[in-house]
PDB file of N, CA and C in Angstrom:
ATOM      1  N   UNK A   1      28.857 102.939 -96.599  1.00  0.00           N
ATOM      2  CA  UNK A   1      29.788 103.230 -95.532  1.00  0.00           C
ATOM      3  C   UNK A   1      29.757 102.085 -94.535  1.00  0.00           C
ATOM      4  N   UNK A   2      30.904 101.727 -94.048  1.00  0.00           N
ATOM      5  CA  UNK A   2      31.029 100.738 -92.989  1.00  0.00           C
ATOM      6  C   UNK A   2      32.072 101.253 -92.022  1.00  0.00           C
ATOM      7  N   UNK A   3      32.018 100.857 -90.752  1.00  0.00           N
ATOM      8  CA  UNK A   3      33.076 101.275 -89.858  1.00  0.00           C
ATOM      9  C   UNK A   3      32.756 101.234 -88.387  1.00  0.00           C
ATOM     10  N   UNK A   4      33.751 101.643 -87.570  1.00  0.00           N
ATOM     11  CA  UNK A   4      33.616 101.735 -86.112  1.00  0.00           C
ATOM     12  C   UNK A   4      34.160 103.096 -85.695  1.00  0.00           C
ATOM     13  N   UNK A   5      35.470 103.213 -85.474  1.00  0.00           N
ATOM     14  CA  UNK A   5      36.062 104.513 -85.184  1.00  0.00           C
ATOM     15  C   UNK A   5      36.507 105.203 -86.457  1.00  0.00           C
ATOM     16  N   UNK A   6      36.428 104.473 -87.531  1.00  0.00           N
ATOM     17  CA  UNK A   6      36.660 105.050 -88.843  1.00  0.00           C
ATOM     18  C   UNK A   6      35.630 104.427 -89.777  1.00  0.00           C
ATOM     19  N   UNK A   7      35.449 105.025 -90.910  1.00  0.00           N
ATOM     20  CA  UNK A   7      34.493 104.494 -91.876  1.00  0.00           C
ATOM     21  C   UNK A   7      35.198 104.280 -93.200  1.00  0.00           C
ATOM     22  N   UNK A   8      34.730 103.308 -93.940  1.00  0.00           N
ATOM     23  CA  UNK A   8      35.182 103.079 -95.292  1.00  0.00           C
ATOM     24  C   UNK A   8      34.122 103.674 -96.198  1.00  0.00           C
ATOM     25  N   UNK A   9      34.524 104.655 -96.977  1.00  0.00           N
ATOM     26  CA  UNK A   9      33.602 105.328 -97.879  1.00  0.00           C
ATOM     27  C   UNK A   9      33.882 104.821 -99.281  1.00  0.00           C
ATOM     28  N   UNK A  10      32.889 104.179 -99.863  1.00  0.00           N
ATOM     29  CA  UNK A  10      33.013 103.690-101.227  1.00  0.00           C
ATOM     30  C   UNK A  10      32.474 104.764-102.141  1.00  0.00           C
ATOM     31  N   UNK A  11      33.359 105.399-102.877  1.00  0.00           N
ATOM     32  CA  UNK A  11      32.974 106.546-103.686  1.00  0.00           C
ATOM     33  C   UNK A  11      32.456 106.180-105.057  1.00  0.00           C
ATOM     34  N   UNK A  12      31.546 107.009-105.554  1.00  0.00           N
ATOM     35  CA  UNK A  12      31.046 106.838-106.911  1.00  0.00           C
ATOM     36  C   UNK A  12      32.108 107.197-107.936  1.00  0.00           C
ATOM     37  N   UNK A  13      32.975 108.142-107.586  1.00  0.00           N
ATOM     38  CA  UNK A  13      33.953 108.619-108.559  1.00  0.00           C
ATOM     39  C   UNK A  13      35.398 108.587-108.080  1.00  0.00           C
ATOM     40  N   UNK A  14      35.636 108.662-106.780  1.00  0.00           N
ATOM     41  CA  UNK A  14      37.005 108.773-106.274  1.00  0.00           C
ATOM     42  C   UNK A  14      37.530 107.461-105.695  1.00  0.00           C
ATOM     43  N   UNK A  15      36.793 106.379-105.807  1.00  0.00           N
ATOM     44  CA  UNK A  15      37.237 105.119-105.229  1.00  0.00           C
ATOM     45  C   UNK A  15      36.976 105.061-103.741  1.00  0.00           C
ATOM     46  N   UNK A  16      37.548 104.030-103.104  1.00  0.00           N
ATOM     47  CA  UNK A  16      37.349 103.818-101.674  1.00  0.00           C
ATOM     48  C   UNK A  16      38.327 104.648-100.858  1.00  0.00           C
ATOM     49  N   UNK A  17      37.824 105.218 -99.757  1.00  0.00           N
ATOM     50  CA  UNK A  17      38.654 105.998 -98.838  1.00  0.00           C
ATOM     51  C   UNK A  17      38.243 105.678 -97.418  1.00  0.00           C
ATOM     52  N   UNK A  18      39.208 105.740 -96.511  1.00  0.00           N
ATOM     53  CA  UNK A  18      38.935 105.560 -95.091  1.00  0.00           C
ATOM     54  C   UNK A  18      39.018 106.917 -94.418  1.00  0.00           C
ATOM     55  N   UNK A  19      38.078 107.185 -93.514  1.00  0.00           N
ATOM     56  CA  UNK A  19      38.070 108.457 -92.790  1.00  0.00           C
ATOM     57  C   UNK A  19      37.743 108.195 -91.329  1.00  0.00           C
ATOM     58  N   UNK A  20      38.405 108.918 -90.443  1.00  0.00           N
ATOM     59  CA  UNK A  20      38.153 108.794 -89.008  1.00  0.00           C
ATOM     60  C   UNK A  20      36.851 109.484 -88.638  1.00  0.00           C
ATOM     61  N   UNK A  21      36.175 108.924 -87.649  1.00  0.00           N
ATOM     62  CA  UNK A  21      35.012 109.559 -87.044  1.00  0.00           C
ATOM     63  C   UNK A  21      35.454 110.181 -85.727  1.00  0.00           C
ATOM     64  N   UNK A  22      35.161 111.435 -85.529  1.00  0.00           N
ATOM     65  CA  UNK A  22      35.495 112.143 -84.297  1.00  0.00           C
ATOM     66  C   UNK A  22      34.214 112.686 -83.680  1.00  0.00           C
ATOM     67  N   UNK A  23      34.222 113.023 -82.401  1.00  0.00           N
ATOM     68  CA  UNK A  23      33.004 113.520 -81.744  1.00  0.00           C
ATOM     69  C   UNK A  23      32.380 114.733 -82.435  1.00  0.00           C
ATOM     70  N   UNK A  24      33.158 115.524 -83.134  1.00  0.00           N
ATOM     71  CA  UNK A  24      32.599 116.714 -83.788  1.00  0.00           C
ATOM     72  C   UNK A  24      32.171 116.468 -85.239  1.00  0.00           C
ATOM     73  N   UNK A  25      32.263 115.232 -85.719  1.00  0.00           N
ATOM     74  CA  UNK A  25      31.762 114.920 -87.052  1.00  0.00           C
ATOM     75  C   UNK A  25      30.264 115.210 -87.093  1.00  0.00           C
ATOM     76  N   UNK A  26      29.832 116.004 -88.068  1.00  0.00           N
ATOM     77  CA  UNK A  26      28.403 116.316 -88.214  1.00  0.00           C
ATOM     78  C   UNK A  26      27.731 115.190 -88.996  1.00  0.00           C
ATOM     79  N   UNK A  27      26.619 114.681 -88.471  1.00  0.00           N
ATOM     80  CA  UNK A  27      25.893 113.580 -89.105  1.00  0.00           C
ATOM     81  C   UNK A  27      24.450 114.016 -89.310  1.00  0.00           C
ATOM     82  N   UNK A  28      24.001 113.980 -90.568  1.00  0.00           N
ATOM     83  CA  UNK A  28      22.641 114.371 -90.903  1.00  0.00           C
ATOM     84  C   UNK A  28      21.924 113.197 -91.559  1.00  0.00           C
ATOM     85  N   UNK A  29      20.747 112.856 -91.037  1.00  0.00           N
ATOM     86  CA  UNK A  29      19.960 111.701 -91.462  1.00  0.00           C
ATOM     87  C   UNK A  29      18.603 112.193 -91.963  1.00  0.00           C
ATOM     88  N   UNK A  30      18.178 111.714 -93.131  1.00  0.00           N
ATOM     89  CA  UNK A  30      16.882 112.143 -93.667  1.00  0.00           C
ATOM     90  C   UNK A  30      15.828 111.042 -93.662  1.00  0.00           C
ATOM     91  N   UNK A  31      16.227 109.797 -93.380  1.00  0.00           N
ATOM     92  CA  UNK A  31      15.268 108.700 -93.442  1.00  0.00           C
ATOM     93  C   UNK A  31      15.017 108.017 -92.101  1.00  0.00           C
ATOM     94  N   UNK A  32      15.708 108.420 -91.046  1.00  0.00           N
ATOM     95  CA  UNK A  32      15.486 107.825 -89.738  1.00  0.00           C
ATOM     96  C   UNK A  32      16.227 106.532 -89.492  1.00  0.00           C
ATOM     97  N   UNK A  33      17.186 106.181 -90.326  1.00  0.00           N
ATOM     98  CA  UNK A  33      17.966 104.970 -90.121  1.00  0.00           C
ATOM     99  C   UNK A  33      19.035 105.121 -89.054  1.00  0.00           C
ATOM    100  N   UNK A  34      19.452 106.365 -88.795  1.00  0.00           N
ATOM    101  CA  UNK A  34      20.478 106.634 -87.789  1.00  0.00           C
ATOM    102  C   UNK A  34      19.819 107.167 -86.525  1.00  0.00           C
ATOM    103  N   UNK A  35      19.001 108.176 -86.677  1.00  0.00           N
ATOM    104  CA  UNK A  35      18.228 108.742 -85.572  1.00  0.00           C
ATOM    105  C   UNK A  35      16.994 109.404 -86.167  1.00  0.00           C
ATOM    106  N   UNK A  36      16.000 109.672 -85.339  1.00  0.00           N
ATOM    107  CA  UNK A  36      14.770 110.262 -85.875  1.00  0.00           C
ATOM    108  C   UNK A  36      14.227 111.363 -84.984  1.00  0.00           C
ATOM    109  N   UNK A  37      15.147 112.112 -84.373  1.00  0.00           N
ATOM    110  CA  UNK A  37      14.738 113.175 -83.467  1.00  0.00           C
ATOM    111  C   UNK A  37      14.841 114.528 -84.149  1.00  0.00           C
ATOM    112  N   UNK A  38      13.888 115.389 -83.891  1.00  0.00           N
ATOM    113  CA  UNK A  38      13.938 116.749 -84.420  1.00  0.00           C
ATOM    114  C   UNK A  38      13.480 116.842 -85.860  1.00  0.00           C
ATOM    115  N   UNK A  39      13.694 118.030 -86.414  1.00  0.00           N
ATOM    116  CA  UNK A  39      13.278 118.306 -87.783  1.00  0.00           C
ATOM    117  C   UNK A  39      14.224 117.659 -88.780  1.00  0.00           C
ATOM    118  N   UNK A  40      13.729 117.467 -89.996  1.00  0.00           N
ATOM    119  CA  UNK A  40      14.571 116.945 -91.074  1.00  0.00           C
ATOM    120  C   UNK A  40      15.494 118.033 -91.592  1.00  0.00           C
ATOM    121  N   UNK A  41      16.725 117.738 -91.930  1.00  0.00           N
ATOM    122  CA  UNK A  41      17.373 116.465 -91.661  1.00  0.00           C
ATOM    123  C   UNK A  41      17.681 116.335 -90.181  1.00  0.00           C
ATOM    124  N   UNK A  42      17.562 115.107 -89.679  1.00  0.00           N
ATOM    125  CA  UNK A  42      17.862 114.854 -88.268  1.00  0.00           C
ATOM    126  C   UNK A  42      19.356 115.033 -88.041  1.00  0.00           C
ATOM    127  N   UNK A  43      19.719 115.750 -87.005  1.00  0.00           N
ATOM    128  CA  UNK A  43      21.127 115.890 -86.635  1.00  0.00           C
ATOM    129  C   UNK A  43      21.420 114.790 -85.619  1.00  0.00           C
ATOM    130  N   UNK A  44      22.294 113.859 -85.979  1.00  0.00           N
ATOM    131  CA  UNK A  44      22.586 112.696 -85.162  1.00  0.00           C
ATOM    132  C   UNK A  44      23.993 112.786 -84.592  1.00  0.00           C
ATOM    133  N   UNK A  45      24.225 112.027 -83.536  1.00  0.00           N
ATOM    134  CA  UNK A  45      25.554 111.967 -82.941  1.00  0.00           C
ATOM    135  C   UNK A  45      26.391 110.898 -83.641  1.00  0.00           C
ATOM    136  N   UNK A  46      27.694 110.994 -83.470  1.00  0.00           N
ATOM    137  CA  UNK A  46      28.594 109.980 -84.012  1.00  0.00           C
ATOM    138  C   UNK A  46      28.294 108.628 -83.361  1.00  0.00           C
ATOM    139  N   UNK A  47      27.953 108.618 -82.077  1.00  0.00           N
ATOM    140  CA  UNK A  47      27.611 107.358 -81.400  1.00  0.00           C
ATOM    141  C   UNK A  47      26.379 106.715 -82.030  1.00  0.00           C
ATOM    142  N   UNK A  48      25.388 107.528 -82.411  1.00  0.00           N
ATOM    143  CA  UNK A  48      24.200 106.987 -83.077  1.00  0.00           C
ATOM    144  C   UNK A  48      24.575 106.407 -84.441  1.00  0.00           C
ATOM    145  N   UNK A  49      25.483 107.076 -85.153  1.00  0.00           N
ATOM    146  CA  UNK A  49      25.942 106.566 -86.445  1.00  0.00           C
ATOM    147  C   UNK A  49      26.667 105.236 -86.256  1.00  0.00           C
ATOM    148  N   UNK A  50      27.552 105.162 -85.276  1.00  0.00           N
ATOM    149  CA  UNK A  50      28.284 103.919 -85.016  1.00  0.00           C
ATOM    150  C   UNK A  50      27.331 102.777 -84.695  1.00  0.00           C
ATOM    151  N   UNK A  51      26.324 103.058 -83.887  1.00  0.00           N
ATOM    152  CA  UNK A  51      25.339 102.035 -83.525  1.00  0.00           C
ATOM    153  C   UNK A  51      24.597 101.547 -84.769  1.00  0.00           C
ATOM    154  N   UNK A  52      24.212 102.466 -85.640  1.00  0.00           N
ATOM    155  CA  UNK A  52      23.514 102.091 -86.870  1.00  0.00           C
ATOM    156  C   UNK A  52      24.414 101.249 -87.773  1.00  0.00           C
ATOM    157  N   UNK A  53      25.670 101.636 -87.891  1.00  0.00           N
ATOM    158  CA  UNK A  53      26.597 100.882 -88.737  1.00  0.00           C
ATOM    159  C   UNK A  53      26.839  99.482 -88.182  1.00  0.00           C
ATOM    160  N   UNK A  54      26.911  99.350 -86.858  1.00  0.00           N
ATOM    161  CA  UNK A  54      27.081  98.032 -86.246  1.00  0.00           C
ATOM    162  C   UNK A  54      25.857  97.151 -86.489  1.00  0.00           C
ATOM    163  N   UNK A  55      24.689  97.771 -86.654  1.00  0.00           N
ATOM    164  CA  UNK A  55      23.452  97.037 -86.931  1.00  0.00           C
ATOM    165  C   UNK A  55      23.264  96.806 -88.432  1.00  0.00           C
ATOM    166  N   UNK A  56      24.325  97.036 -89.205  1.00  0.00           N
ATOM    167  CA  UNK A  56      24.331  96.828 -90.664  1.00  0.00           C
ATOM    168  C   UNK A  56      23.391  97.748 -91.427  1.00  0.00           C
ATOM    169  N   UNK A  57      23.146  98.951 -90.899  1.00  0.00           N
ATOM    170  CA  UNK A  57      22.406  99.947 -91.657  1.00  0.00           C
ATOM    171  C   UNK A  57      23.318 100.413 -92.792  1.00  0.00           C
ATOM    172  N   UNK A  58      22.805 100.412 -93.991  1.00  0.00           N
ATOM    173  CA  UNK A  58      23.578 100.840 -95.152  1.00  0.00           C
ATOM    174  C   UNK A  58      23.161 102.258 -95.510  1.00  0.00           C
ATOM    175  N   UNK A  59      24.128 103.128 -95.744  1.00  0.00           N
ATOM    176  CA  UNK A  59      23.836 104.525 -96.044  1.00  0.00           C
ATOM    177  C   UNK A  59      24.401 104.940 -97.387  1.00  0.00           C
ATOM    178  N   UNK A  60      23.661 105.763 -98.075  1.00  0.00           N
ATOM    179  CA  UNK A  60      24.151 106.439 -99.260  1.00  0.00           C
ATOM    180  C   UNK A  60      24.262 107.888 -98.832  1.00  0.00           C
ATOM    181  N   UNK A  61      25.481 108.425 -98.830  1.00  0.00           N
ATOM    182  CA  UNK A  61      25.682 109.743 -98.244  1.00  0.00           C
ATOM    183  C   UNK A  61      26.789 110.512 -98.950  1.00  0.00           C
ATOM    184  N   UNK A  62      26.726 111.817 -98.794  1.00  0.00           N
ATOM    185  CA  UNK A  62      27.820 112.695 -99.202  1.00  0.00           C
ATOM    186  C   UNK A  62      28.694 112.843 -97.964  1.00  0.00           C
ATOM    187  N   UNK A  63      29.965 112.457 -98.082  1.00  0.00           N
ATOM    188  CA  UNK A  63      30.886 112.510 -96.951  1.00  0.00           C
ATOM    189  C   UNK A  63      31.976 113.528 -97.272  1.00  0.00           C
ATOM    190  N   UNK A  64      32.101 114.536 -96.411  1.00  0.00           N
ATOM    191  CA  UNK A  64      33.150 115.535 -96.554  1.00  0.00           C
ATOM    192  C   UNK A  64      34.321 115.106 -95.697  1.00  0.00           C
ATOM    193  N   UNK A  65      35.471 114.865 -96.349  1.00  0.00           N
ATOM    194  CA  UNK A  65      36.661 114.395 -95.655  1.00  0.00           C
ATOM    195  C   UNK A  65      37.734 115.478 -95.738  1.00  0.00           C
ATOM    196  N   UNK A  66      38.317 115.793 -94.583  1.00  0.00           N
ATOM    197  CA  UNK A  66      39.398 116.771 -94.527  1.00  0.00           C
ATOM    198  C   UNK A  66      40.517 116.189 -93.672  1.00  0.00           C
ATOM    199  N   UNK A  67      41.705 116.087 -94.246  1.00  0.00           N
ATOM    200  CA  UNK A  67      42.875 115.549 -93.534  1.00  0.00           C
ATOM    201  C   UNK A  67      42.599 114.177 -92.919  1.00  0.00           C
ATOM    202  N   UNK A  68      41.876 113.329 -93.645  1.00  0.00           N
ATOM    203  CA  UNK A  68      41.595 111.974 -93.178  1.00  0.00           C
ATOM    204  C   UNK A  68      40.476 111.847 -92.174  1.00  0.00           C
ATOM    205  N   UNK A  69      39.782 112.961 -91.887  1.00  0.00           N
ATOM    206  CA  UNK A  69      38.685 112.962 -90.913  1.00  0.00           C
ATOM    207  C   UNK A  69      37.373 113.247 -91.634  1.00  0.00           C
ATOM    208  N   UNK A  70      36.347 112.450 -91.333  1.00  0.00           N
ATOM    209  CA  UNK A  70      35.006 112.731 -91.848  1.00  0.00           C
ATOM    210  C   UNK A  70      34.447 113.890 -91.035  1.00  0.00           C
ATOM    211  N   UNK A  71      34.363 115.073 -91.638  1.00  0.00           N
ATOM    212  CA  UNK A  71      33.876 116.235 -90.898  1.00  0.00           C
ATOM    213  C   UNK A  71      32.369 116.408 -91.044  1.00  0.00           C
ATOM    214  N   UNK A  72      31.794 115.867 -92.131  1.00  0.00           N
ATOM    215  CA  UNK A  72      30.350 115.984 -92.338  1.00  0.00           C
ATOM    216  C   UNK A  72      29.865 114.781 -93.141  1.00  0.00           C
ATOM    217  N   UNK A  73      28.764 114.185 -92.667  1.00  0.00           N
ATOM    218  CA  UNK A  73      28.131 113.061 -93.346  1.00  0.00           C
ATOM    219  C   UNK A  73      26.672 113.437 -93.543  1.00  0.00           C
ATOM    220  N   UNK A  74      26.272 113.562 -94.805  1.00  0.00           N
ATOM    221  CA  UNK A  74      24.898 113.952 -95.134  1.00  0.00           C
ATOM    222  C   UNK A  74      24.245 112.843 -95.933  1.00  0.00           C
ATOM    223  N   UNK A  75      23.262 112.177 -95.326  1.00  0.00           N
ATOM    224  CA  UNK A  75      22.570 111.088 -96.027  1.00  0.00           C
ATOM    225  C   UNK A  75      21.843 111.645 -97.253  1.00  0.00           C
ATOM    226  N   UNK A  76      21.906 110.883 -98.327  1.00  0.00           N
ATOM    227  CA  UNK A  76      21.237 111.233 -99.578  1.00  0.00           C
ATOM    228  C   UNK A  76      20.242 110.129 -99.897  1.00  0.00           C
ATOM    229  N   UNK A  77      19.054 110.483-100.319  1.00  0.00           N
ATOM    230  CA  UNK A  77      18.054 109.507-100.708  1.00  0.00           C
ATOM    231  C   UNK A  77      18.290 109.170-102.175  1.00  0.00           C
ATOM    232  N   UNK A  78      18.513 107.878-102.432  1.00  0.00           N
ATOM    233  CA  UNK A  78      18.714 107.428-103.809  1.00  0.00           C
ATOM    234  C   UNK A  78      17.383 107.397-104.536  1.00  0.00           C
ATOM    235  N   UNK A  79      17.402 107.827-105.759  1.00  0.00           N
ATOM    236  CA  UNK A  79      16.185 107.793-106.586  1.00  0.00           C
ATOM    237  C   UNK A  79      16.015 106.450-107.239  1.00  0.00           C
TER     238      UNK A  79
END
């Protein structure tokens, strides 16, 4: 994923898609690359995600997109 107010999601099966990030987008982090507060998975803010993406943090995640909006981003640990 890469982005600022929107993200480019490179899919394993559906190809590349762009999705908007909104304040209510749910962001869950399991490795501490986005945020490391609270219990796992860490619930992070969209601002924390944007900051991580600007710092070139690379994520492998399940992204739920509805009507062009990323409504949920759940980091997945690659095996």
